[in-house]
Amino acid sequence: MSKPQPIGMLFHPQVDRAQRRLDQVRRLLEQAGVPHWELIRENNPRGTGGDLAGTRLLLTLGGDGTFLYGAHLAAPLGVPVLGVNLGRLGFLTEVDADGIRTGLQRFLDGDYRLEERRLVQVAVLRDGRRTQRGLGLNEVVVQRGSEARLLRLQVAIDKQEVGTIDADGAVVATATGSTAYSLAVGGPILEPTLGDLVFVPMNPFALTVRPIVFAPGLIEITLPRDTAVISVDGTGRGKLKPGDTLQVDAYPKPLSVVRLGPPENFYRVLRQKLGWGTPLVPFPGEDDV
């Protein structure tokens, strides 16, 4: 008889791991005969004895940042992720603090669906050499550093020239990231299961320069004269020099996200957490959306 696959628990460093709700989760797993391992998110997964490659499910316990961290670990190995919101907004997570035990029980009972999310892989081409810079579930940002002038960016998709723009920078976002920083700088909202990528210029000099939605492909942003900094999912990934090309491409493996509600939950979350489509001044007697 084969040994059951463990479930991993990834914690934000400030989460109290001794709280009653989490003890209930541990007892549930023990009663179900399912082993588990625990990891604080800044540590190495193998440093705590947890073998992520053989893990059945990764629970992320924190907020969206912990979910993103877990996604970077889990996607390359095909491990599904269930996000638990123990923070504030929790836009990417599926259950809140009071629903951890119920959500995990539903997973163990097979009462769930898997939703695939696109990731991007990021690299820098410099002097003919390509260096890998990581994976992003939300977005890649290139922006000016300490210099006051606008960046000049040459943009291409699958080796086809798109154009040259002057701007503070640019965001390349996935559909998942379209409701994050991309939205804050003027990008459109995409339904999260779409595989498309969004290019959003940041404060472009020309008013005619607007966001573009691309089918999955290789987006290249070249800096002919400027230096810049890049970040992936809010984490710094280094600097770009004049002549460098930032390459952003669809990652071949999707992230599997555990969902417990119907697909239309995305629009409910848009209303509840972002206030989209909620009238500021309802008609008299109208129920809240």
C-alpha atoms as a PDB file:
ATOM      1  CA  MET A   1       0.000   0.000   0.000  1.00  0.00           C
ATOM      2  CA  SER A   2       1.450   3.347  -1.054  1.00  0.00           C
ATOM      3  CA  LYS A   3       2.046   6.071   1.482  1.00  0.00           C
ATOM      4  CA  PRO A   4      -0.474   8.958   1.219  1.00  0.00           C
ATOM      5  CA  GLN A   5       0.821  12.187  -0.236  1.00  0.00           C
ATOM      6  CA  PRO A   6       1.321  14.948   2.324  1.00  0.00           C
ATOM      7  CA  ILE A   7      -0.320  18.356   2.396  1.00  0.00           C
ATOM      8  CA  GLY A   8       1.947  21.377   2.787  1.00  0.00           C
ATOM      9  CA  MET A   9       1.119  24.427   4.916  1.00  0.00           C
ATOM     10  CA  LEU A  10       2.915  27.638   3.893  1.00  0.00           C
ATOM     11  CA  PHE A  11       2.715  30.415   6.487  1.00  0.00           C
ATOM     12  CA  HIS A  12       3.253  34.144   6.406  1.00  0.00           C
ATOM     13  CA  PRO A  13       5.969  34.872   9.012  1.00  0.00           C
ATOM     14  CA  GLN A  14       3.552  36.855  11.193  1.00  0.00           C
ATOM     15  CA  VAL A  15       0.826  34.197  11.345  1.00  0.00           C
ATOM     16  CA  ASP A  16       0.370  32.610  14.779  1.00  0.00           C
ATOM     17  CA  ARG A  17       0.859  28.939  13.975  1.00  0.00           C
ATOM     18  CA  ALA A  18      -0.508  27.904  17.400  1.00  0.00           C
ATOM     19  CA  GLN A  19      -3.974  29.394  16.889  1.00  0.00           C
ATOM     20  CA  ARG A  20      -7.001  27.187  17.454  1.00  0.00           C
ATOM     21  CA  ARG A  21      -8.150  27.130  13.813  1.00  0.00           C
ATOM     22  CA  LEU A  22      -4.835  25.711  12.677  1.00  0.00           C
ATOM     23  CA  ASP A  23      -4.824  23.091  15.424  1.00  0.00           C
ATOM     24  CA  GLN A  24      -8.221  21.994  14.099  1.00  0.00           C
ATOM     25  CA  VAL A  25      -6.713  21.631  10.618  1.00  0.00           C
ATOM     26  CA  ARG A  26      -3.867  19.511  11.982  1.00  0.00           C
ATOM     27  CA  ARG A  27      -6.322  17.258  13.836  1.00  0.00           C
ATOM     28  CA  LEU A  28      -8.422  16.887  10.688  1.00  0.00           C
ATOM     29  CA  LEU A  29      -5.404  15.742   8.709  1.00  0.00           C
ATOM     30  CA  GLU A  30      -4.328  13.378  11.482  1.00  0.00           C
ATOM     31  CA  GLN A  31      -7.797  11.824  11.654  1.00  0.00           C
ATOM     32  CA  ALA A  32      -7.840  11.438   7.866  1.00  0.00           C
ATOM     33  CA  GLY A  33      -4.441   9.742   7.948  1.00  0.00           C
ATOM     34  CA  VAL A  34      -2.889  12.466   5.787  1.00  0.00           C
ATOM     35  CA  PRO A  35       0.656  13.567   6.688  1.00  0.00           C
ATOM     36  CA  HIS A  36       1.575  17.226   6.469  1.00  0.00           C
ATOM     37  CA  TRP A  37       4.571  19.542   6.604  1.00  0.00           C
ATOM     38  CA  GLU A  38       4.835  23.202   7.544  1.00  0.00           C
ATOM     39  CA  LEU A  39       6.962  26.017   6.170  1.00  0.00           C
ATOM     40  CA  ILE A  40       7.387  29.714   6.960  1.00  0.00           C
ATOM     41  CA  ARG A  41       7.455  31.367   3.578  1.00  0.00           C
ATOM     42  CA  GLU A  42      11.013  32.771   3.633  1.00  0.00           C
ATOM     43  CA  ASN A  43      12.531  29.333   4.274  1.00  0.00           C
ATOM     44  CA  ASN A  44      13.609  26.592   1.875  1.00  0.00           C
ATOM     45  CA  PRO A  45      10.785  24.001   1.442  1.00  0.00           C
ATOM     46  CA  ARG A  46      13.205  21.112   1.976  1.00  0.00           C
ATOM     47  CA  GLY A  47      14.680  22.787   5.041  1.00  0.00           C
ATOM     48  CA  THR A  48      11.674  21.679   7.109  1.00  0.00           C
ATOM     49  CA  GLY A  49      11.550  18.144   5.766  1.00  0.00           C
ATOM     50  CA  GLY A  50       8.744  18.929   3.347  1.00  0.00           C
ATOM     51  CA  ASP A  51       9.175  17.424  -0.123  1.00  0.00           C
ATOM     52  CA  LEU A  52       7.174  19.751  -2.341  1.00  0.00           C
ATOM     53  CA  ALA A  53       7.520  17.482  -5.364  1.00  0.00           C
ATOM     54  CA  GLY A  54       5.484  14.782  -3.628  1.00  0.00           C
ATOM     55  CA  THR A  55       2.915  17.103  -2.082  1.00  0.00           C
ATOM     56  CA  ARG A  56      -0.797  16.633  -2.794  1.00  0.00           C
ATOM     57  CA  LEU A  57      -1.845  20.208  -1.965  1.00  0.00           C
ATOM     58  CA  LEU A  58      -0.187  23.431  -0.831  1.00  0.00           C
ATOM     59  CA  LEU A  59      -2.182  25.527   1.635  1.00  0.00           C
ATOM     60  CA  THR A  60      -1.054  29.154   1.731  1.00  0.00           C
ATOM     61  CA  LEU A  61      -1.919  30.833   5.014  1.00  0.00           C
ATOM     62  CA  GLY A  62      -1.549  34.606   4.970  1.00  0.00           C
ATOM     63  CA  GLY A  63      -2.607  36.976   2.224  1.00  0.00           C
ATOM     64  CA  ASP A  64      -2.023  37.523  -1.467  1.00  0.00           C
ATOM     65  CA  GLY A  65       1.741  37.800  -0.982  1.00  0.00           C
ATOM     66  CA  THR A  66       1.895  34.350   0.589  1.00  0.00           C
ATOM     67  CA  PHE A  67      -0.297  32.988  -2.206  1.00  0.00           C
ATOM     68  CA  LEU A  68       2.099  34.427  -4.817  1.00  0.00           C
ATOM     69  CA  TYR A  69       5.092  32.938  -3.009  1.00  0.00           C
ATOM     70  CA  GLY A  70       3.385  29.550  -2.922  1.00  0.00           C
ATOM     71  CA  ALA A  71       2.435  29.776  -6.592  1.00  0.00           C
ATOM     72  CA  HIS A  72       6.093  30.237  -7.582  1.00  0.00           C
ATOM     73  CA  LEU A  73       6.986  27.062  -5.660  1.00  0.00           C
ATOM     74  CA  ALA A  74       4.029  24.931  -6.693  1.00  0.00           C
ATOM     75  CA  ALA A  75       3.474  25.663 -10.399  1.00  0.00           C
ATOM     76  CA  PRO A  76       6.706  24.098 -11.744  1.00  0.00           C
ATOM     77  CA  LEU A  77       5.870  20.856  -9.906  1.00  0.00           C
ATOM     78  CA  GLY A  78       2.156  20.742 -10.742  1.00  0.00           C
ATOM     79  CA  VAL A  79       1.063  21.016  -7.103  1.00  0.00           C
ATOM     80  CA  PRO A  80      -2.386  22.643  -6.662  1.00  0.00           C
ATOM     81  CA  VAL A  81      -2.720  25.609  -4.298  1.00  0.00           C
ATOM     82  CA  LEU A  82      -5.544  26.497  -1.914  1.00  0.00           C
ATOM     83  CA  GLY A  83      -5.267  30.074  -0.628  1.00  0.00           C
ATOM     84  CA  VAL A  84      -6.428  30.959   2.875  1.00  0.00           C
ATOM     85  CA  ASN A  85      -6.836  34.648   3.706  1.00  0.00           C
ATOM     86  CA  LEU A  86      -5.438  35.509   7.112  1.00  0.00           C
ATOM     87  CA  GLY A  87      -4.513  39.024   5.999  1.00  0.00           C
ATOM     88  CA  ARG A  88      -6.505  41.989   4.734  1.00  0.00           C
ATOM     89  CA  LEU A  89      -7.707  42.018   1.111  1.00  0.00           C
ATOM     90  CA  GLY A  90      -7.044  38.419   0.092  1.00  0.00           C
ATOM     91  CA  PHE A  91      -8.171  38.880  -3.513  1.00  0.00           C
ATOM     92  CA  LEU A  92      -6.385  35.740  -4.732  1.00  0.00           C
ATOM     93  CA  THR A  93      -7.322  33.482  -1.832  1.00  0.00           C
ATOM     94  CA  GLU A  94     -10.332  31.165  -1.755  1.00  0.00           C
ATOM     95  CA  VAL A  95     -11.344  30.820   1.913  1.00  0.00           C
ATOM     96  CA  ASP A  96     -11.113  33.010   5.000  1.00  0.00           C
ATOM     97  CA  ALA A  97      -9.890  32.173   8.487  1.00  0.00           C
ATOM     98  CA  ASP A  98     -13.199  30.666   9.618  1.00  0.00           C
ATOM     99  CA  GLY A  99     -13.462  28.468   6.519  1.00  0.00           C
ATOM    100  CA  ILE A 100     -10.098  26.690   6.661  1.00  0.00           C
ATOM    101  CA  ARG A 101     -11.335  23.420   8.111  1.00  0.00           C
ATOM    102  CA  THR A 102     -14.423  23.240   5.901  1.00  0.00           C
ATOM    103  CA  GLY A 103     -12.426  24.098   2.785  1.00  0.00           C
ATOM    104  CA  LEU A 104      -9.804  21.456   3.507  1.00  0.00           C
ATOM    105  CA  GLN A 105     -12.472  18.849   4.225  1.00  0.00           C
ATOM    106  CA  ARG A 106     -14.086  19.577   0.874  1.00  0.00           C
ATOM    107  CA  PHE A 107     -10.731  19.103  -0.829  1.00  0.00           C
ATOM    108  CA  LEU A 108     -10.218  15.764   0.912  1.00  0.00           C
ATOM    109  CA  ASP A 109     -13.747  14.732  -0.122  1.00  0.00           C
ATOM    110  CA  GLY A 110     -13.070  15.689  -3.758  1.00  0.00           C
ATOM    111  CA  ASP A 111     -15.684  18.469  -3.632  1.00  0.00           C
ATOM    112  CA  TYR A 112     -13.717  21.085  -5.539  1.00  0.00           C
ATOM    113  CA  ARG A 113     -12.584  22.108  -9.001  1.00  0.00           C
ATOM    114  CA  LEU A 114      -9.193  23.130 -10.338  1.00  0.00           C
ATOM    115  CA  GLU A 115      -8.771  26.420 -12.164  1.00  0.00           C
ATOM    116  CA  GLU A 116      -5.681  26.936 -14.310  1.00  0.00           C
ATOM    117  CA  ARG A 117      -3.847  30.256 -14.179  1.00  0.00           C
ATOM    118  CA  ARG A 118      -1.216  31.546 -16.589  1.00  0.00           C
ATOM    119  CA  LEU A 119       2.255  32.453 -15.328  1.00  0.00           C
ATOM    120  CA  VAL A 120       5.029  34.310 -17.126  1.00  0.00           C
ATOM    121  CA  GLN A 121       8.721  33.539 -17.212  1.00  0.00           C
ATOM    122  CA  VAL A 122      11.109  36.468 -17.169  1.00  0.00           C
ATOM    123  CA  ALA A 123      14.606  36.778 -18.629  1.00  0.00           C
ATOM    124  CA  VAL A 124      17.068  39.514 -19.580  1.00  0.00           C
ATOM    125  CA  LEU A 125      19.017  39.446 -22.845  1.00  0.00           C
ATOM    126  CA  ARG A 126      22.365  41.221 -22.440  1.00  0.00           C
ATOM    127  CA  ASP A 127      25.263  41.118 -24.898  1.00  0.00           C
ATOM    128  CA  GLY A 128      23.810  38.020 -26.531  1.00  0.00           C
ATOM    129  CA  ARG A 129      23.446  36.136 -23.251  1.00  0.00           C
ATOM    130  CA  ARG A 130      20.089  35.263 -21.701  1.00  0.00           C
ATOM    131  CA  THR A 131      19.755  35.210 -17.924  1.00  0.00           C
ATOM    132  CA  GLN A 132      16.643  33.837 -16.208  1.00  0.00           C
ATOM    133  CA  ARG A 133      14.991  36.125 -13.650  1.00  0.00           C
ATOM    134  CA  GLY A 134      12.116  34.011 -12.351  1.00  0.00           C
ATOM    135  CA  LEU A 135       8.384  33.397 -12.626  1.00  0.00           C
ATOM    136  CA  GLY A 136       5.491  35.800 -12.183  1.00  0.00           C
ATOM    137  CA  LEU A 137       1.849  35.050 -11.506  1.00  0.00           C
ATOM    138  CA  ASN A 138       0.763  38.695 -11.434  1.00  0.00           C
ATOM    139  CA  GLU A 139       3.103  40.948 -13.374  1.00  0.00           C
ATOM    140  CA  VAL A 140       6.526  42.090 -14.461  1.00  0.00           C
ATOM    141  CA  VAL A 141       7.333  45.799 -14.070  1.00  0.00           C
ATOM    142  CA  VAL A 142      10.105  47.771 -15.750  1.00  0.00           C
ATOM    143  CA  GLN A 143      10.436  51.361 -14.569  1.00  0.00           C
ATOM    144  CA  ARG A 144      12.905  54.187 -14.262  1.00  0.00           C
ATOM    145  CA  GLY A 145      15.091  54.309 -11.199  1.00  0.00           C
ATOM    146  CA  SER A 146      16.519  57.510  -9.785  1.00  0.00           C
ATOM    147  CA  GLU A 147      16.717  59.340 -13.124  1.00  0.00           C
ATOM    148  CA  ALA A 148      14.086  62.001 -13.696  1.00  0.00           C
ATOM    149  CA  ARG A 149      13.620  61.537 -17.442  1.00  0.00           C
ATOM    150  CA  LEU A 150      11.186  59.181 -19.156  1.00  0.00           C
ATOM    151  CA  LEU A 151      12.321  55.777 -20.338  1.00  0.00           C
ATOM    152  CA  ARG A 152      12.444  55.049 -24.044  1.00  0.00           C
ATOM    153  CA  LEU A 153      11.072  51.538 -24.585  1.00  0.00           C
ATOM    154  CA  GLN A 154      11.129  49.572 -27.835  1.00  0.00           C
ATOM    155  CA  VAL A 155       8.370  46.972 -27.740  1.00  0.00           C
ATOM    156  CA  ALA A 156       8.020  43.822 -29.857  1.00  0.00           C
ATOM    157  CA  ILE A 157       5.764  40.755 -29.751  1.00  0.00           C
ATOM    158  CA  ASP A 158       7.039  37.505 -31.262  1.00  0.00           C
ATOM    159  CA  LYS A 159       9.772  39.508 -33.035  1.00  0.00           C
ATOM    160  CA  GLN A 160       7.201  41.849 -34.619  1.00  0.00           C
ATOM    161  CA  GLU A 161       7.756  45.516 -33.865  1.00  0.00           C
ATOM    162  CA  VAL A 162       4.922  47.066 -31.877  1.00  0.00           C
ATOM    163  CA  GLY A 163       6.419  50.512 -31.426  1.00  0.00           C
ATOM    164  CA  THR A 164       8.685  52.804 -29.418  1.00  0.00           C
ATOM    165  CA  ILE A 165       7.266  54.738 -26.495  1.00  0.00           C
ATOM    166  CA  ASP A 166       8.426  57.190 -23.864  1.00  0.00           C
ATOM    167  CA  ALA A 167       6.986  56.493 -20.421  1.00  0.00           C
ATOM    168  CA  ASP A 168       7.811  56.068 -16.745  1.00  0.00           C
ATOM    169  CA  GLY A 169       7.872  52.349 -17.424  1.00  0.00           C
ATOM    170  CA  ALA A 170       5.603  49.484 -18.384  1.00  0.00           C
ATOM    171  CA  VAL A 171       3.767  46.528 -16.862  1.00  0.00           C
ATOM    172  CA  VAL A 172       3.315  43.131 -18.469  1.00  0.00           C
ATOM    173  CA  ALA A 173       0.552  41.358 -16.566  1.00  0.00           C
ATOM    174  CA  THR A 174      -1.240  38.040 -16.702  1.00  0.00           C
ATOM    175  CA  ALA A 175      -5.011  37.830 -16.459  1.00  0.00           C
ATOM    176  CA  THR A 176      -4.576  37.059 -12.754  1.00  0.00           C
ATOM    177  CA  GLY A 177      -2.444  40.181 -12.351  1.00  0.00           C
ATOM    178  CA  SER A 178      -4.860  42.376 -14.278  1.00  0.00           C
ATOM    179  CA  THR A 179      -6.617  43.187 -10.977  1.00  0.00           C
ATOM    180  CA  ALA A 180      -3.357  44.060  -9.192  1.00  0.00           C
ATOM    181  CA  TYR A 181      -0.733  46.699 -10.063  1.00  0.00           C
ATOM    182  CA  SER A 182      -1.721  46.630 -13.728  1.00  0.00           C
ATOM    183  CA  LEU A 183      -5.191  47.862 -12.779  1.00  0.00           C
ATOM    184  CA  ALA A 184      -3.716  50.630 -10.618  1.00  0.00           C
ATOM    185  CA  VAL A 185      -1.803  52.071 -13.584  1.00  0.00           C
ATOM    186  CA  GLY A 186      -4.773  51.972 -15.940  1.00  0.00           C
ATOM    187  CA  GLY A 187      -4.871  48.456 -17.369  1.00  0.00           C
ATOM    188  CA  PRO A 188      -8.040  46.485 -18.201  1.00  0.00           C
ATOM    189  CA  ILE A 189      -9.511  43.670 -16.115  1.00  0.00           C
ATOM    190  CA  LEU A 190      -9.281  40.201 -17.682  1.00  0.00           C
ATOM    191  CA  GLU A 191     -11.227  37.151 -16.575  1.00  0.00           C
ATOM    192  CA  PRO A 192      -8.556  35.207 -14.656  1.00  0.00           C
ATOM    193  CA  THR A 193      -8.647  31.947 -16.636  1.00  0.00           C
ATOM    194  CA  LEU A 194      -7.684  33.709 -19.872  1.00  0.00           C
ATOM    195  CA  GLY A 195      -4.189  33.032 -21.143  1.00  0.00           C
ATOM    196  CA  ASP A 196      -3.671  36.488 -22.637  1.00  0.00           C
ATOM    197  CA  LEU A 197      -1.036  38.992 -21.501  1.00  0.00           C
ATOM    198  CA  VAL A 198      -1.585  42.709 -20.928  1.00  0.00           C
ATOM    199  CA  PHE A 199       0.967  45.397 -21.799  1.00  0.00           C
ATOM    200  CA  VAL A 200       0.297  48.597 -19.839  1.00  0.00           C
ATOM    201  CA  PRO A 201       2.466  51.720 -20.331  1.00  0.00           C
ATOM    202  CA  MET A 202       3.007  53.769 -17.168  1.00  0.00           C
ATOM    203  CA  ASN A 203       2.324  57.493 -17.660  1.00  0.00           C
ATOM    204  CA  PRO A 204       3.198  57.538 -21.370  1.00  0.00           C
ATOM    205  CA  PHE A 205       4.177  60.867 -22.911  1.00  0.00           C
ATOM    206  CA  ALA A 206       1.904  60.370 -25.940  1.00  0.00           C
ATOM    207  CA  LEU A 207      -1.801  60.304 -25.065  1.00  0.00           C
ATOM    208  CA  THR A 208      -2.455  57.873 -27.932  1.00  0.00           C
ATOM    209  CA  VAL A 209      -0.381  55.133 -26.249  1.00  0.00           C
ATOM    210  CA  ARG A 210      -2.825  52.807 -24.544  1.00  0.00           C
ATOM    211  CA  PRO A 211      -2.751  49.285 -23.041  1.00  0.00           C
ATOM    212  CA  ILE A 212      -2.698  46.320 -25.419  1.00  0.00           C
ATOM    213  CA  VAL A 213      -3.910  42.769 -24.787  1.00  0.00           C
ATOM    214  CA  PHE A 214      -1.657  40.225 -26.505  1.00  0.00           C
ATOM    215  CA  ALA A 215      -2.228  36.552 -27.169  1.00  0.00           C
ATOM    216  CA  PRO A 216       0.413  34.449 -25.365  1.00  0.00           C
ATOM    217  CA  GLY A 217       3.781  35.097 -26.965  1.00  0.00           C
ATOM    218  CA  LEU A 218       7.234  36.538 -26.395  1.00  0.00           C
ATOM    219  CA  ILE A 219       7.050  40.192 -25.380  1.00  0.00           C
ATOM    220  CA  GLU A 220      10.382  42.008 -25.637  1.00  0.00           C
ATOM    221  CA  ILE A 221      11.084  45.434 -24.163  1.00  0.00           C
ATOM    222  CA  THR A 222      14.434  46.936 -25.157  1.00  0.00           C
ATOM    223  CA  LEU A 223      16.074  49.978 -23.583  1.00  0.00           C
ATOM    224  CA  PRO A 224      18.163  51.711 -26.266  1.00  0.00           C
ATOM    225  CA  ARG A 225      19.585  54.457 -24.022  1.00  0.00           C
ATOM    226  CA  ASP A 226      18.382  54.175 -20.423  1.00  0.00           C
ATOM    227  CA  THR A 227      18.873  52.228 -17.224  1.00  0.00           C
ATOM    228  CA  ALA A 228      15.865  50.801 -15.405  1.00  0.00           C
ATOM    229  CA  VAL A 229      14.837  48.467 -12.612  1.00  0.00           C
ATOM    230  CA  ILE A 230      12.637  45.396 -12.918  1.00  0.00           C
ATOM    231  CA  SER A 231      10.433  43.598 -10.411  1.00  0.00           C
ATOM    232  CA  VAL A 232       8.412  40.403 -10.623  1.00  0.00           C
ATOM    233  CA  ASP A 233       5.285  40.100  -8.466  1.00  0.00           C
ATOM    234  CA  GLY A 234       6.511  43.001  -6.351  1.00  0.00           C
ATOM    235  CA  THR A 235       9.955  41.532  -5.710  1.00  0.00           C
ATOM    236  CA  GLY A 236      13.051  43.258  -7.050  1.00  0.00           C
ATOM    237  CA  ARG A 237      14.897  41.313  -9.738  1.00  0.00           C
ATOM    238  CA  GLY A 238      17.734  43.657 -10.669  1.00  0.00           C
ATOM    239  CA  LYS A 239      18.624  46.434 -13.058  1.00  0.00           C
ATOM    240  CA  LEU A 240      18.607  46.844 -16.808  1.00  0.00           C
ATOM    241  CA  LYS A 241      21.424  48.593 -18.680  1.00  0.00           C
ATOM    242  CA  PRO A 242      21.252  50.458 -21.992  1.00  0.00           C
ATOM    243  CA  GLY A 243      20.911  47.898 -24.755  1.00  0.00           C
ATOM    244  CA  ASP A 244      19.314  45.247 -22.521  1.00  0.00           C
ATOM    245  CA  THR A 245      16.124  43.487 -23.554  1.00  0.00           C
ATOM    246  CA  LEU A 246      13.547  42.319 -21.030  1.00  0.00           C
ATOM    247  CA  GLN A 247      11.872  39.131 -22.294  1.00  0.00           C
ATOM    248  CA  VAL A 248       8.492  38.068 -20.926  1.00  0.00           C
ATOM    249  CA  ASP A 249       6.948  34.858 -22.169  1.00  0.00           C
ATOM    250  CA  ALA A 250       4.122  32.548 -21.153  1.00  0.00           C
ATOM    251  CA  TYR A 251       5.345  29.819 -18.800  1.00  0.00           C
ATOM    252  CA  PRO A 252       4.506  26.379 -20.244  1.00  0.00           C
ATOM    253  CA  LYS A 253       3.046  24.988 -16.992  1.00  0.00           C
ATOM    254  CA  PRO A 254      -0.103  26.550 -15.517  1.00  0.00           C
ATOM    255  CA  LEU A 255      -0.779  27.032 -11.832  1.00  0.00           C
ATOM    256  CA  SER A 256      -3.634  24.843 -10.552  1.00  0.00           C
ATOM    257  CA  VAL A 257      -5.780  26.797  -8.090  1.00  0.00           C
ATOM    258  CA  VAL A 258      -8.319  24.986  -5.902  1.00  0.00           C
ATOM    259  CA  ARG A 259     -11.778  26.534  -6.194  1.00  0.00           C
ATOM    260  CA  LEU A 260     -14.726  25.657  -3.997  1.00  0.00           C
ATOM    261  CA  GLY A 261     -17.349  27.940  -5.513  1.00  0.00           C
ATOM    262  CA  PRO A 262     -18.829  28.363  -9.008  1.00  0.00           C
ATOM    263  CA  PRO A 263     -16.862  30.113 -11.788  1.00  0.00           C
ATOM    264  CA  GLU A 264     -18.921  33.297 -11.475  1.00  0.00           C
ATOM    265  CA  ASN A 265     -17.423  33.869  -8.012  1.00  0.00           C
ATOM    266  CA  PHE A 266     -14.800  36.053  -9.724  1.00  0.00           C
ATOM    267  CA  TYR A 267     -17.373  38.747 -10.449  1.00  0.00           C
ATOM    268  CA  ARG A 268     -18.756  38.562  -6.926  1.00  0.00           C
ATOM    269  CA  VAL A 269     -15.223  39.087  -5.601  1.00  0.00           C
ATOM    270  CA  LEU A 270     -14.808  42.064  -7.956  1.00  0.00           C
ATOM    271  CA  ARG A 271     -17.895  43.640  -6.439  1.00  0.00           C
ATOM    272  CA  GLN A 272     -17.133  42.803  -2.828  1.00  0.00           C
ATOM    273  CA  LYS A 273     -13.404  43.519  -2.678  1.00  0.00           C
ATOM    274  CA  LEU A 274     -12.843  46.102  -5.422  1.00  0.00           C
ATOM    275  CA  GLY A 275     -16.251  47.733  -5.485  1.00  0.00           C
ATOM    276  CA  TRP A 276     -16.602  47.214  -9.259  1.00  0.00           C
ATOM    277  CA  GLY A 277     -20.175  47.665 -10.456  1.00  0.00           C
ATOM    278  CA  THR A 278     -21.440  48.777  -7.044  1.00  0.00           C
ATOM    279  CA  PRO A 279     -23.383  52.064  -7.353  1.00  0.00           C
ATOM    280  CA  LEU A 280     -22.020  54.806  -5.144  1.00  0.00           C
ATOM    281  CA  VAL A 281     -25.574  56.148  -4.760  1.00  0.00           C
ATOM    282  CA  PRO A 282     -28.180  53.342  -4.948  1.00  0.00           C
ATOM    283  CA  PHE A 283     -31.772  54.103  -5.897  1.00  0.00           C
ATOM    284  CA  PRO A 284     -34.113  54.454  -2.902  1.00  0.00           C
ATOM    285  CA  GLY A 285     -35.065  51.011  -1.622  1.00  0.00           C
ATOM    286  CA  GLU A 286     -32.494  49.237  -3.784  1.00  0.00           C
ATOM    287  CA  ASP A 287     -30.690  46.385  -2.073  1.00  0.00           C
ATOM    288  CA  ASP A 288     -26.912  46.497  -1.884  1.00  0.00           C
ATOM    289  CA  VAL A 289     -25.179  44.590  -4.676  1.00  0.00           C
END
